[in-house]
Protein backbone atom coordinates (compact mmCIF):
# COMPACT_ATOMS: atom_id res chain seq x y z
CA MET A 1 -0.22 0.34 -0.26
CA ARG A 2 0.89 3.78 0.30
CA ASP A 3 1.58 6.17 2.69
CA GLY A 4 1.60 9.59 0.75
CA HIS A 5 4.74 8.89 -0.50
CA THR A 6 6.06 5.97 0.95
CA ILE A 7 5.76 2.21 -0.30
CA VAL A 8 4.19 0.09 2.77
CA PHE A 9 4.63 -3.52 3.20
CA THR A 10 1.67 -4.97 5.47
CA GLU A 11 1.90 -7.92 6.98
CA VAL A 12 -2.43 -8.73 8.23
CA ARG A 13 -2.25 -11.64 10.93
CA LEU A 14 -5.61 -12.73 12.85
CA ARG A 15 -5.55 -14.82 15.49
CA ARG A 16 -8.72 -15.80 17.37
CA SER A 17 -7.13 -17.20 20.49
CA ASN A 18 -4.34 -16.25 22.41
CA ALA A 19 -3.52 -19.41 23.62
CA PHE A 20 0.05 -19.47 21.30
CA GLY A 21 0.94 -15.88 21.88
CA GLY A 22 -2.09 -13.93 19.43
CA ALA A 23 -1.57 -12.58 16.35
CA SER A 24 1.42 -10.60 17.30
CA ALA A 25 3.78 -13.84 17.73
CA SER A 26 2.63 -15.19 14.91
CA VAL A 27 5.16 -12.26 13.00
CA ASP A 28 8.61 -13.64 14.68
CA ARG A 29 11.99 -13.73 13.18
CA ARG A 30 11.60 -16.03 10.10
CA LYS A 31 8.24 -14.15 9.18
CA GLN A 32 10.11 -11.31 9.48
CA ARG A 33 13.04 -12.36 7.18
CA ARG A 34 10.60 -13.25 4.94
CA ILE A 35 8.85 -10.37 4.98
CA LEU A 36 12.08 -8.34 4.11
CA ALA A 37 13.16 -10.52 1.61
CA ALA A 38 9.68 -10.06 -0.48
CA ALA A 39 10.07 -6.34 -0.14
CA ARG A 40 13.57 -6.00 -1.46
CA TYR A 41 12.76 -8.13 -4.19
CA TYR A 42 9.70 -5.99 -5.11
CA LEU A 43 12.06 -2.50 -4.12
CA SER A 44 15.01 -3.99 -6.74
CA GLU A 45 12.55 -3.68 -9.23
CA LEU A 46 11.51 -0.21 -9.22
CA ARG A 47 13.98 3.03 -10.36
CA GLY A 48 15.42 4.73 -7.88
CA SER A 49 15.45 4.34 -4.35
CA PRO A 50 11.26 4.61 -2.97
CA VAL A 51 11.00 5.21 0.89
CA CYS A 52 9.38 2.23 2.78
CA ARG A 53 8.13 0.69 6.03
CA CYS A 54 7.11 -2.98 6.97
CA ASP A 55 3.63 -2.10 9.03
CA VAL A 56 1.96 -5.37 10.66
CA VAL A 57 -2.12 -5.05 11.24
CA LEU A 58 -3.09 -7.48 14.50
CA LEU A 59 -6.60 -8.76 14.72
CA THR A 60 -8.28 -10.59 17.72
CA ASP A 61 -11.74 -11.14 15.88
CA VAL A 62 -13.04 -9.77 12.14
CA LYS A 63 -16.60 -8.60 14.03
CA ASP A 64 -14.68 -6.78 16.94
CA ASN A 65 -12.99 -3.46 16.15
CA ASP A 66 -9.94 -4.70 18.03
CA ILE A 67 -7.05 -3.71 15.83
CA GLU A 68 -3.50 -3.13 16.46
CA TRP A 69 -1.53 -0.87 13.23
CA LEU A 70 2.23 -1.06 14.03
CA GLN A 71 3.99 1.56 11.78
CA ASN A 72 7.39 0.15 11.13
CA ALA A 73 7.22 -2.70 13.01
CA PHE A 74 10.26 -3.95 12.07
CA THR A 75 13.69 -3.33 10.73
CA GLU A 76 16.75 -5.36 9.55
C-alpha cells in the first residue's frame, strides 16, 4: 500500500485465541525475514530508491473493532 510517497509492506495477522501468543507472536523473526526478502525483491524492480516501511496489522476477531496497527513494525 502507499502512505503518501512511502511504500508500505503490510502483513495482516488474525488470531482468534491468545493460546499461542496471539497475532503478534505469529510474526516471528523467520516471518520478518521472509517479508523483508519479498520487499527487497519488489524494490529491486523499481527505479530509484523509494522510501518504504513494513507495518503489521493485528486482529483479534474480524467482528470486533479490536485492531492494532504497528507502523514500522520491524527493521533489519
